[in-house]
């Protein structure tokens, strides 16, 4: 019996794949981004926990925490040192795909936007970063951040409802539907989009300034870390108000807000402008460390692969 003839690949389809399909750098960005995300969240989670607790500790006659240090002390006193890592598994499940989408999308967009020297224009740095942030917000951050905030908030109740990750997710879906995992999507897209737009813009600008436009110039890892810290600090002061609104919209008390805009309006009317920067200190320390570590790890692994994973010759 004759074997079926193999149809030749349509040249037009091949051309479209080469034009719009993922490049090798995109694949590397996805893989390296995931590895990087898992490592950095294990290092920086305690400050993320404190930041979220402070933002959920709404202004009242008798606030529970006097500040980030007091919040950390009370947590350790009540639950031990590992209390600062409560909810880590939830964020870890989301951090790996989040970082994969972020760097994979950025590398993809960068590959389409660079000039003949391999450099991005200032506007393209901003837009590629924005695209990376929106990608991670939709596909990874919103559901996992919602679950994380609900878990941390649940632990502050006299009788916590969630018995574990699977039980907690099942409870949320049962009581609120699948939409319960996508609360605060608009605020999260605004936060992540602005976050990555600022970070990648600052990072790429600093790198380009140091290299003088020559991509062959190697930047030492400590300097990459310093650049990352600067980029992280810029993003914190640029979008902490959005982060505060996002956290409130994803908390267990979100039903008292009609929508994201109403949440922001109620915070402004009831708590004042300073409430939008609640949790800035722990967030600043976490983000600066987070972004510095992230770019150092990412660049290190990328350089290693560029040396040992050679691109095939045409």
C-alpha atoms as a PDB file:
ATOM      1  CA  UNK A   1       0.000   0.000   0.000  1.00  0.00           C
ATOM      2  CA  UNK A   2       1.457   3.325  -1.047  1.00  0.00           C
ATOM      3  CA  UNK A   3       2.146   5.802   1.696  1.00  0.00           C
ATOM      4  CA  UNK A   4       0.210   9.083   1.485  1.00  0.00           C
ATOM      5  CA  UNK A   5       2.048  11.916  -0.195  1.00  0.00           C
ATOM      6  CA  UNK A   6       3.420  14.579   2.090  1.00  0.00           C
ATOM      7  CA  UNK A   7       2.145  18.008   1.159  1.00  0.00           C
ATOM      8  CA  UNK A   8       4.822  20.675   0.823  1.00  0.00           C
ATOM      9  CA  UNK A   9       4.770  23.542   3.315  1.00  0.00           C
ATOM     10  CA  UNK A  10       2.996  26.573   1.950  1.00  0.00           C
ATOM     11  CA  UNK A  11       5.664  29.285   1.449  1.00  0.00           C
ATOM     12  CA  UNK A  12       3.106  31.914   2.421  1.00  0.00           C
ATOM     13  CA  UNK A  13       2.411  30.239   5.772  1.00  0.00           C
ATOM     14  CA  UNK A  14       6.138  29.876   6.415  1.00  0.00           C
ATOM     15  CA  UNK A  15       6.632  33.552   5.663  1.00  0.00           C
ATOM     16  CA  UNK A  16       3.854  34.531   8.097  1.00  0.00           C
ATOM     17  CA  UNK A  17       5.358  32.285  10.800  1.00  0.00           C
ATOM     18  CA  UNK A  18       8.758  33.915  10.378  1.00  0.00           C
ATOM     19  CA  UNK A  19       7.160  37.353  10.525  1.00  0.00           C
ATOM     20  CA  UNK A  20       4.745  36.870  13.417  1.00  0.00           C
ATOM     21  CA  UNK A  21       5.807  33.619  15.091  1.00  0.00           C
ATOM     22  CA  UNK A  22       7.906  33.532  18.266  1.00  0.00           C
ATOM     23  CA  UNK A  23      11.637  34.050  17.808  1.00  0.00           C
ATOM     24  CA  UNK A  24      14.322  32.094  19.620  1.00  0.00           C
ATOM     25  CA  UNK A  25      14.754  35.032  22.008  1.00  0.00           C
ATOM     26  CA  UNK A  26      11.022  34.864  22.747  1.00  0.00           C
ATOM     27  CA  UNK A  27      11.304  31.192  23.701  1.00  0.00           C
ATOM     28  CA  UNK A  28      14.329  31.991  25.848  1.00  0.00           C
ATOM     29  CA  UNK A  29      12.414  34.841  27.461  1.00  0.00           C
ATOM     30  CA  UNK A  30       9.558  32.494  28.380  1.00  0.00           C
ATOM     31  CA  UNK A  31      11.835  29.821  29.880  1.00  0.00           C
ATOM     32  CA  UNK A  32      14.296  32.131  31.635  1.00  0.00           C
ATOM     33  CA  UNK A  33      11.496  34.395  32.823  1.00  0.00           C
ATOM     34  CA  UNK A  34       9.751  31.495  34.565  1.00  0.00           C
ATOM     35  CA  UNK A  35      12.929  30.372  36.321  1.00  0.00           C
ATOM     36  CA  UNK A  36      13.697  33.937  37.372  1.00  0.00           C
ATOM     37  CA  UNK A  37      10.187  34.502  38.730  1.00  0.00           C
ATOM     38  CA  UNK A  38      10.322  31.436  40.959  1.00  0.00           C
ATOM     39  CA  UNK A  39      13.656  32.414  42.490  1.00  0.00           C
ATOM     40  CA  UNK A  40      12.929  36.065  43.177  1.00  0.00           C
ATOM     41  CA  UNK A  41       9.536  35.541  44.837  1.00  0.00           C
ATOM     42  CA  UNK A  42      11.055  33.122  47.360  1.00  0.00           C
ATOM     43  CA  UNK A  43      13.500  35.873  48.359  1.00  0.00           C
ATOM     44  CA  UNK A  44      11.152  38.849  48.490  1.00  0.00           C
ATOM     45  CA  UNK A  45       7.802  37.432  49.680  1.00  0.00           C
ATOM     46  CA  UNK A  46       7.923  38.618  53.346  1.00  0.00           C
ATOM     47  CA  UNK A  47       7.833  42.284  52.275  1.00  0.00           C
ATOM     48  CA  UNK A  48       4.957  41.510  49.888  1.00  0.00           C
ATOM     49  CA  UNK A  49       3.049  39.925  52.778  1.00  0.00           C
ATOM     50  CA  UNK A  50       3.570  42.982  55.012  1.00  0.00           C
ATOM     51  CA  UNK A  51       2.601  45.374  52.203  1.00  0.00           C
ATOM     52  CA  UNK A  52      -0.670  43.540  51.567  1.00  0.00           C
ATOM     53  CA  UNK A  53      -1.514  43.399  55.273  1.00  0.00           C
ATOM     54  CA  UNK A  54      -1.019  47.162  55.645  1.00  0.00           C
ATOM     55  CA  UNK A  55      -3.184  47.919  52.611  1.00  0.00           C
ATOM     56  CA  UNK A  56      -5.974  45.696  53.939  1.00  0.00           C
ATOM     57  CA  UNK A  57      -5.723  47.297  57.382  1.00  0.00           C
ATOM     58  CA  UNK A  58      -8.095  50.098  56.525  1.00  0.00           C
ATOM     59  CA  UNK A  59      -7.978  53.328  58.466  1.00  0.00           C
ATOM     60  CA  UNK A  60     -10.086  53.044  61.634  1.00  0.00           C
ATOM     61  CA  UNK A  61     -10.276  54.357  65.177  1.00  0.00           C
ATOM     62  CA  UNK A  62      -7.992  51.542  66.306  1.00  0.00           C
ATOM     63  CA  UNK A  63      -5.757  50.312  63.440  1.00  0.00           C
ATOM     64  CA  UNK A  64      -4.152  46.910  63.997  1.00  0.00           C
ATOM     65  CA  UNK A  65      -0.692  47.883  62.776  1.00  0.00           C
ATOM     66  CA  UNK A  66       1.407  50.975  63.496  1.00  0.00           C
ATOM     67  CA  UNK A  67       3.658  50.407  60.489  1.00  0.00           C
ATOM     68  CA  UNK A  68       5.567  47.771  58.511  1.00  0.00           C
ATOM     69  CA  UNK A  69       7.901  46.847  61.377  1.00  0.00           C
ATOM     70  CA  UNK A  70       5.004  46.474  63.814  1.00  0.00           C
ATOM     71  CA  UNK A  71       3.116  44.385  61.256  1.00  0.00           C
ATOM     72  CA  UNK A  72       6.106  42.054  60.868  1.00  0.00           C
ATOM     73  CA  UNK A  73       6.560  41.805  64.662  1.00  0.00           C
ATOM     74  CA  UNK A  74       2.907  40.974  65.281  1.00  0.00           C
ATOM     75  CA  UNK A  75       2.941  38.354  62.527  1.00  0.00           C
ATOM     76  CA  UNK A  76       6.063  36.651  63.883  1.00  0.00           C
ATOM     77  CA  UNK A  77       4.703  36.799  67.435  1.00  0.00           C
ATOM     78  CA  UNK A  78       1.386  35.240  66.439  1.00  0.00           C
ATOM     79  CA  UNK A  79       2.481  32.744  63.796  1.00  0.00           C
ATOM     80  CA  UNK A  80       6.274  32.458  64.012  1.00  0.00           C
ATOM     81  CA  UNK A  81       8.846  33.449  61.376  1.00  0.00           C
ATOM     82  CA  UNK A  82       7.140  31.294  58.766  1.00  0.00           C
ATOM     83  CA  UNK A  83       4.042  33.435  59.261  1.00  0.00           C
ATOM     84  CA  UNK A  84       5.657  35.946  56.909  1.00  0.00           C
ATOM     85  CA  UNK A  85       5.554  33.247  54.225  1.00  0.00           C
ATOM     86  CA  UNK A  86       1.851  32.440  54.567  1.00  0.00           C
ATOM     87  CA  UNK A  87       0.324  32.441  51.111  1.00  0.00           C
ATOM     88  CA  UNK A  88       3.713  31.923  49.402  1.00  0.00           C
ATOM     89  CA  UNK A  89       2.545  28.857  47.487  1.00  0.00           C
ATOM     90  CA  UNK A  90      -0.303  30.875  45.966  1.00  0.00           C
ATOM     91  CA  UNK A  91       2.025  33.597  44.729  1.00  0.00           C
ATOM     92  CA  UNK A  92       4.646  31.087  43.617  1.00  0.00           C
ATOM     93  CA  UNK A  93       2.085  29.341  41.406  1.00  0.00           C
ATOM     94  CA  UNK A  94       1.427  32.687  39.749  1.00  0.00           C
ATOM     95  CA  UNK A  95       4.947  34.152  39.764  1.00  0.00           C
ATOM     96  CA  UNK A  96       6.418  31.618  37.355  1.00  0.00           C
ATOM     97  CA  UNK A  97       3.838  32.056  34.550  1.00  0.00           C
ATOM     98  CA  UNK A  98       3.687  35.805  35.244  1.00  0.00           C
ATOM     99  CA  UNK A  99       7.401  36.235  34.663  1.00  0.00           C
ATOM    100  CA  UNK A 100       7.258  33.930  31.631  1.00  0.00           C
ATOM    101  CA  UNK A 101       4.524  36.016  30.005  1.00  0.00           C
ATOM    102  CA  UNK A 102       6.312  39.261  30.925  1.00  0.00           C
ATOM    103  CA  UNK A 103       9.716  38.477  29.466  1.00  0.00           C
ATOM    104  CA  UNK A 104       8.386  36.335  26.630  1.00  0.00           C
ATOM    105  CA  UNK A 105       6.075  39.131  25.465  1.00  0.00           C
ATOM    106  CA  UNK A 106       8.772  41.783  25.875  1.00  0.00           C
ATOM    107  CA  UNK A 107      11.305  39.769  23.863  1.00  0.00           C
ATOM    108  CA  UNK A 108       8.682  39.109  21.181  1.00  0.00           C
ATOM    109  CA  UNK A 109       7.697  42.782  20.866  1.00  0.00           C
ATOM    110  CA  UNK A 110      11.315  43.924  21.106  1.00  0.00           C
ATOM    111  CA  UNK A 111      12.257  41.602  18.249  1.00  0.00           C
ATOM    112  CA  UNK A 112       9.654  43.333  16.082  1.00  0.00           C
ATOM    113  CA  UNK A 113      10.525  46.886  17.125  1.00  0.00           C
ATOM    114  CA  UNK A 114      14.360  47.124  17.270  1.00  0.00           C
ATOM    115  CA  UNK A 115      16.299  49.109  14.679  1.00  0.00           C
ATOM    116  CA  UNK A 116      19.120  47.756  12.527  1.00  0.00           C
ATOM    117  CA  UNK A 117      21.551  48.067  15.460  1.00  0.00           C
ATOM    118  CA  UNK A 118      19.275  46.074  17.775  1.00  0.00           C
ATOM    119  CA  UNK A 119      18.213  49.110  19.831  1.00  0.00           C
ATOM    120  CA  UNK A 120      14.756  50.313  20.858  1.00  0.00           C
ATOM    121  CA  UNK A 121      13.621  53.905  20.510  1.00  0.00           C
ATOM    122  CA  UNK A 122      12.364  55.560  23.739  1.00  0.00           C
ATOM    123  CA  UNK A 123       8.725  55.245  22.651  1.00  0.00           C
ATOM    124  CA  UNK A 124       9.198  51.569  21.731  1.00  0.00           C
ATOM    125  CA  UNK A 125      10.796  50.854  25.125  1.00  0.00           C
ATOM    126  CA  UNK A 126       7.660  52.218  26.755  1.00  0.00           C
ATOM    127  CA  UNK A 127       5.248  50.389  24.440  1.00  0.00           C
ATOM    128  CA  UNK A 128       7.060  47.032  24.633  1.00  0.00           C
ATOM    129  CA  UNK A 129       7.041  47.287  28.430  1.00  0.00           C
ATOM    130  CA  UNK A 130       3.349  48.195  28.374  1.00  0.00           C
ATOM    131  CA  UNK A 131       2.580  45.165  26.203  1.00  0.00           C
ATOM    132  CA  UNK A 132       4.542  42.901  28.554  1.00  0.00           C
ATOM    133  CA  UNK A 133       2.605  44.236  31.554  1.00  0.00           C
ATOM    134  CA  UNK A 134      -0.805  43.837  29.918  1.00  0.00           C
ATOM    135  CA  UNK A 135       0.061  40.281  28.858  1.00  0.00           C
ATOM    136  CA  UNK A 136       1.016  39.173  32.364  1.00  0.00           C
ATOM    137  CA  UNK A 137      -1.991  40.978  33.871  1.00  0.00           C
ATOM    138  CA  UNK A 138      -4.528  39.140  31.714  1.00  0.00           C
ATOM    139  CA  UNK A 139      -3.018  35.668  31.596  1.00  0.00           C
ATOM    140  CA  UNK A 140      -1.411  35.289  35.021  1.00  0.00           C
ATOM    141  CA  UNK A 141      -1.476  38.165  37.499  1.00  0.00           C
ATOM    142  CA  UNK A 142      -5.178  38.903  37.935  1.00  0.00           C
ATOM    143  CA  UNK A 143      -6.382  35.410  38.966  1.00  0.00           C
ATOM    144  CA  UNK A 144      -3.324  34.647  41.117  1.00  0.00           C
ATOM    145  CA  UNK A 145      -3.192  38.064  42.785  1.00  0.00           C
ATOM    146  CA  UNK A 146      -6.902  37.845  43.562  1.00  0.00           C
ATOM    147  CA  UNK A 147      -6.398  34.441  45.186  1.00  0.00           C
ATOM    148  CA  UNK A 148      -3.315  35.676  47.085  1.00  0.00           C
ATOM    149  CA  UNK A 149      -5.072  38.733  48.525  1.00  0.00           C
ATOM    150  CA  UNK A 150      -8.129  36.695  49.527  1.00  0.00           C
ATOM    151  CA  UNK A 151      -5.905  34.093  51.244  1.00  0.00           C
ATOM    152  CA  UNK A 152      -3.944  36.715  53.199  1.00  0.00           C
ATOM    153  CA  UNK A 153      -7.143  38.560  54.125  1.00  0.00           C
ATOM    154  CA  UNK A 154      -8.800  35.281  55.136  1.00  0.00           C
ATOM    155  CA  UNK A 155      -5.970  34.613  57.603  1.00  0.00           C
ATOM    156  CA  UNK A 156      -6.791  37.847  59.444  1.00  0.00           C
ATOM    157  CA  UNK A 157     -10.327  36.642  60.240  1.00  0.00           C
ATOM    158  CA  UNK A 158     -11.110  35.092  63.658  1.00  0.00           C
ATOM    159  CA  UNK A 159     -12.117  31.870  61.895  1.00  0.00           C
ATOM    160  CA  UNK A 160     -10.333  31.484  58.519  1.00  0.00           C
ATOM    161  CA  UNK A 161     -12.441  29.748  55.851  1.00  0.00           C
ATOM    162  CA  UNK A 162      -9.750  28.416  53.529  1.00  0.00           C
ATOM    163  CA  UNK A 163      -8.077  25.122  54.491  1.00  0.00           C
ATOM    164  CA  UNK A 164      -5.536  25.107  51.686  1.00  0.00           C
ATOM    165  CA  UNK A 165      -4.895  26.291  48.135  1.00  0.00           C
ATOM    166  CA  UNK A 166      -7.255  23.876  46.369  1.00  0.00           C
ATOM    167  CA  UNK A 167      -9.995  24.305  48.990  1.00  0.00           C
ATOM    168  CA  UNK A 168      -9.618  28.086  48.924  1.00  0.00           C
ATOM    169  CA  UNK A 169      -9.879  28.317  45.131  1.00  0.00           C
ATOM    170  CA  UNK A 170     -12.847  25.932  45.121  1.00  0.00           C
ATOM    171  CA  UNK A 171     -14.570  28.027  47.813  1.00  0.00           C
ATOM    172  CA  UNK A 172     -14.027  31.269  45.874  1.00  0.00           C
ATOM    173  CA  UNK A 173     -15.363  29.758  42.635  1.00  0.00           C
ATOM    174  CA  UNK A 174     -18.336  28.178  44.447  1.00  0.00           C
ATOM    175  CA  UNK A 175     -19.376  31.370  46.224  1.00  0.00           C
ATOM    176  CA  UNK A 176     -18.421  33.985  43.626  1.00  0.00           C
ATOM    177  CA  UNK A 177     -18.159  32.091  40.351  1.00  0.00           C
ATOM    178  CA  UNK A 178     -15.178  32.097  37.990  1.00  0.00           C
ATOM    179  CA  UNK A 179     -15.499  35.878  37.920  1.00  0.00           C
ATOM    180  CA  UNK A 180     -14.367  35.805  41.545  1.00  0.00           C
ATOM    181  CA  UNK A 181     -10.877  34.990  40.263  1.00  0.00           C
ATOM    182  CA  UNK A 182     -10.877  37.989  37.925  1.00  0.00           C
ATOM    183  CA  UNK A 183     -11.842  40.767  40.301  1.00  0.00           C
ATOM    184  CA  UNK A 184      -9.984  44.017  39.804  1.00  0.00           C
ATOM    185  CA  UNK A 185      -8.938  43.148  36.225  1.00  0.00           C
ATOM    186  CA  UNK A 186      -9.046  46.777  35.077  1.00  0.00           C
ATOM    187  CA  UNK A 187      -6.961  47.975  38.021  1.00  0.00           C
ATOM    188  CA  UNK A 188      -4.528  45.072  37.577  1.00  0.00           C
ATOM    189  CA  UNK A 189      -4.071  45.804  33.875  1.00  0.00           C
ATOM    190  CA  UNK A 190      -3.452  49.462  34.721  1.00  0.00           C
ATOM    191  CA  UNK A 191      -0.999  48.491  37.463  1.00  0.00           C
ATOM    192  CA  UNK A 192       0.959  45.881  35.523  1.00  0.00           C
ATOM    193  CA  UNK A 193       0.894  47.857  32.292  1.00  0.00           C
ATOM    194  CA  UNK A 194       2.254  51.007  33.930  1.00  0.00           C
ATOM    195  CA  UNK A 195       4.635  48.942  36.084  1.00  0.00           C
ATOM    196  CA  UNK A 196       6.375  47.242  33.205  1.00  0.00           C
ATOM    197  CA  UNK A 197       6.208  50.286  30.925  1.00  0.00           C
ATOM    198  CA  UNK A 198       8.127  52.283  33.541  1.00  0.00           C
ATOM    199  CA  UNK A 199      10.531  49.478  34.499  1.00  0.00           C
ATOM    200  CA  UNK A 200      11.513  48.408  30.992  1.00  0.00           C
ATOM    201  CA  UNK A 201      11.715  52.022  29.827  1.00  0.00           C
ATOM    202  CA  UNK A 202      14.063  52.976  32.668  1.00  0.00           C
ATOM    203  CA  UNK A 203      16.062  49.730  32.420  1.00  0.00           C
ATOM    204  CA  UNK A 204      16.537  49.848  28.641  1.00  0.00           C
ATOM    205  CA  UNK A 205      17.332  53.578  28.786  1.00  0.00           C
ATOM    206  CA  UNK A 206      19.997  53.094  31.470  1.00  0.00           C
ATOM    207  CA  UNK A 207      21.518  50.159  29.590  1.00  0.00           C
ATOM    208  CA  UNK A 208      21.572  52.082  26.317  1.00  0.00           C
ATOM    209  CA  UNK A 209      23.133  55.096  28.048  1.00  0.00           C
ATOM    210  CA  UNK A 210      25.856  52.952  29.612  1.00  0.00           C
ATOM    211  CA  UNK A 211      26.612  51.088  26.379  1.00  0.00           C
ATOM    212  CA  UNK A 212      26.530  54.190  24.232  1.00  0.00           C
ATOM    213  CA  UNK A 213      24.274  52.369  21.784  1.00  0.00           C
ATOM    214  CA  UNK A 214      26.716  49.456  21.388  1.00  0.00           C
ATOM    215  CA  UNK A 215      24.962  46.223  22.408  1.00  0.00           C
ATOM    216  CA  UNK A 216      28.255  44.332  22.483  1.00  0.00           C
ATOM    217  CA  UNK A 217      29.276  46.172  25.656  1.00  0.00           C
ATOM    218  CA  UNK A 218      28.881  43.872  28.699  1.00  0.00           C
ATOM    219  CA  UNK A 219      27.335  45.393  31.827  1.00  0.00           C
ATOM    220  CA  UNK A 220      28.507  43.955  35.159  1.00  0.00           C
ATOM    221  CA  UNK A 221      25.814  42.210  37.206  1.00  0.00           C
ATOM    222  CA  UNK A 222      26.087  44.541  40.235  1.00  0.00           C
ATOM    223  CA  UNK A 223      25.467  47.476  37.899  1.00  0.00           C
ATOM    224  CA  UNK A 224      22.532  45.642  36.310  1.00  0.00           C
ATOM    225  CA  UNK A 225      21.152  45.184  39.825  1.00  0.00           C
ATOM    226  CA  UNK A 226      21.575  48.890  40.581  1.00  0.00           C
ATOM    227  CA  UNK A 227      19.792  49.810  37.355  1.00  0.00           C
ATOM    228  CA  UNK A 228      17.014  47.389  38.264  1.00  0.00           C
ATOM    229  CA  UNK A 229      16.627  48.977  41.703  1.00  0.00           C
ATOM    230  CA  UNK A 230      16.287  52.431  40.100  1.00  0.00           C
ATOM    231  CA  UNK A 231      13.711  51.086  37.638  1.00  0.00           C
ATOM    232  CA  UNK A 232      11.811  49.451  40.501  1.00  0.00           C
ATOM    233  CA  UNK A 233      11.756  52.622  42.599  1.00  0.00           C
ATOM    234  CA  UNK A 234      10.465  54.635  39.633  1.00  0.00           C
ATOM    235  CA  UNK A 235       7.593  52.188  39.132  1.00  0.00           C
ATOM    236  CA  UNK A 236       6.656  52.262  42.828  1.00  0.00           C
ATOM    237  CA  UNK A 237       6.219  56.015  42.990  1.00  0.00           C
ATOM    238  CA  UNK A 238       4.549  55.980  39.606  1.00  0.00           C
ATOM    239  CA  UNK A 239       1.764  53.515  40.360  1.00  0.00           C
ATOM    240  CA  UNK A 240       1.354  52.769  44.088  1.00  0.00           C
ATOM    241  CA  UNK A 241      -2.120  54.427  44.055  1.00  0.00           C
ATOM    242  CA  UNK A 242      -3.201  51.916  41.400  1.00  0.00           C
ATOM    243  CA  UNK A 243      -1.778  49.080  43.500  1.00  0.00           C
ATOM    244  CA  UNK A 244      -3.777  50.204  46.550  1.00  0.00           C
ATOM    245  CA  UNK A 245      -7.020  50.307  44.555  1.00  0.00           C
ATOM    246  CA  UNK A 246      -6.256  46.892  43.022  1.00  0.00           C
ATOM    247  CA  UNK A 247      -5.677  45.349  46.451  1.00  0.00           C
ATOM    248  CA  UNK A 248      -8.958  46.738  47.815  1.00  0.00           C
ATOM    249  CA  UNK A 249     -10.862  45.474  44.755  1.00  0.00           C
ATOM    250  CA  UNK A 250      -9.447  41.969  45.239  1.00  0.00           C
ATOM    251  CA  UNK A 251     -10.049  41.786  49.004  1.00  0.00           C
ATOM    252  CA  UNK A 252     -12.899  39.985  50.723  1.00  0.00           C
ATOM    253  CA  UNK A 253     -14.706  43.323  51.287  1.00  0.00           C
ATOM    254  CA  UNK A 254     -14.736  44.325  47.612  1.00  0.00           C
ATOM    255  CA  UNK A 255     -18.547  44.169  47.455  1.00  0.00           C
ATOM    256  CA  UNK A 256     -18.799  47.567  49.128  1.00  0.00           C
ATOM    257  CA  UNK A 257     -17.292  49.087  45.977  1.00  0.00           C
ATOM    258  CA  UNK A 258     -19.338  49.404  42.782  1.00  0.00           C
ATOM    259  CA  UNK A 259     -16.287  49.338  40.511  1.00  0.00           C
ATOM    260  CA  UNK A 260     -12.637  50.358  40.338  1.00  0.00           C
ATOM    261  CA  UNK A 261     -13.445  54.061  39.976  1.00  0.00           C
ATOM    262  CA  UNK A 262     -15.869  53.959  42.912  1.00  0.00           C
ATOM    263  CA  UNK A 263     -13.190  52.244  45.016  1.00  0.00           C
ATOM    264  CA  UNK A 264     -10.694  55.025  44.266  1.00  0.00           C
ATOM    265  CA  UNK A 265     -13.339  57.690  44.972  1.00  0.00           C
ATOM    266  CA  UNK A 266     -14.279  56.161  48.340  1.00  0.00           C
ATOM    267  CA  UNK A 267     -10.630  55.926  49.396  1.00  0.00           C
ATOM    268  CA  UNK A 268     -10.141  59.602  48.484  1.00  0.00           C
ATOM    269  CA  UNK A 269     -13.320  60.752  50.299  1.00  0.00           C
ATOM    270  CA  UNK A 270     -13.029  58.574  53.415  1.00  0.00           C
ATOM    271  CA  UNK A 271      -9.279  58.262  53.957  1.00  0.00           C
ATOM    272  CA  UNK A 272      -7.619  61.091  52.068  1.00  0.00           C
ATOM    273  CA  UNK A 273      -4.816  61.276  49.498  1.00  0.00           C
ATOM    274  CA  UNK A 274      -2.191  59.676  51.754  1.00  0.00           C
ATOM    275  CA  UNK A 275      -4.171  56.435  51.778  1.00  0.00           C
ATOM    276  CA  UNK A 276      -3.194  55.933  48.136  1.00  0.00           C
ATOM    277  CA  UNK A 277       0.412  55.566  49.255  1.00  0.00           C
ATOM    278  CA  UNK A 278      -0.332  53.178  52.112  1.00  0.00           C
ATOM    279  CA  UNK A 279       2.229  50.384  52.160  1.00  0.00           C
ATOM    280  CA  UNK A 280       4.752  52.352  50.064  1.00  0.00           C
ATOM    281  CA  UNK A 281       7.728  51.674  52.369  1.00  0.00           C
ATOM    282  CA  UNK A 282       7.467  47.859  52.382  1.00  0.00           C
ATOM    283  CA  UNK A 283       6.531  47.888  48.693  1.00  0.00           C
ATOM    284  CA  UNK A 284       9.526  50.085  47.844  1.00  0.00           C
ATOM    285  CA  UNK A 285      11.959  47.755  49.597  1.00  0.00           C
ATOM    286  CA  UNK A 286      10.375  44.689  48.016  1.00  0.00           C
ATOM    287  CA  UNK A 287      10.145  46.069  44.499  1.00  0.00           C
ATOM    288  CA  UNK A 288      13.673  47.501  44.399  1.00  0.00           C
ATOM    289  CA  UNK A 289      15.078  44.177  45.600  1.00  0.00           C
ATOM    290  CA  UNK A 290      12.685  42.242  43.369  1.00  0.00           C
ATOM    291  CA  UNK A 291      13.518  44.118  40.158  1.00  0.00           C
ATOM    292  CA  UNK A 292      17.253  44.178  40.898  1.00  0.00           C
ATOM    293  CA  UNK A 293      17.317  40.412  41.510  1.00  0.00           C
ATOM    294  CA  UNK A 294      15.041  39.712  38.555  1.00  0.00           C
ATOM    295  CA  UNK A 295      17.157  41.527  35.975  1.00  0.00           C
ATOM    296  CA  UNK A 296      20.422  40.176  37.418  1.00  0.00           C
ATOM    297  CA  UNK A 297      19.191  36.575  37.245  1.00  0.00           C
ATOM    298  CA  UNK A 298      17.541  37.056  33.860  1.00  0.00           C
ATOM    299  CA  UNK A 299      20.591  38.678  32.265  1.00  0.00           C
ATOM    300  CA  UNK A 300      22.932  36.072  33.776  1.00  0.00           C
ATOM    301  CA  UNK A 301      20.961  33.126  32.407  1.00  0.00           C
ATOM    302  CA  UNK A 302      20.460  34.861  29.041  1.00  0.00           C
ATOM    303  CA  UNK A 303      24.216  35.466  28.723  1.00  0.00           C
ATOM    304  CA  UNK A 304      24.898  31.838  29.621  1.00  0.00           C
ATOM    305  CA  UNK A 305      22.501  30.607  26.940  1.00  0.00           C
ATOM    306  CA  UNK A 306      23.889  33.040  24.374  1.00  0.00           C
ATOM    307  CA  UNK A 307      27.260  31.411  24.975  1.00  0.00           C
ATOM    308  CA  UNK A 308      26.188  27.760  25.095  1.00  0.00           C
ATOM    309  CA  UNK A 309      22.946  27.777  23.057  1.00  0.00           C
ATOM    310  CA  UNK A 310      24.155  28.970  19.693  1.00  0.00           C
ATOM    311  CA  UNK A 311      21.621  30.066  17.114  1.00  0.00           C
ATOM    312  CA  UNK A 312      21.539  27.798  14.085  1.00  0.00           C
ATOM    313  CA  UNK A 313      23.208  29.220  11.003  1.00  0.00           C
ATOM    314  CA  UNK A 314      21.000  29.986   8.034  1.00  0.00           C
END
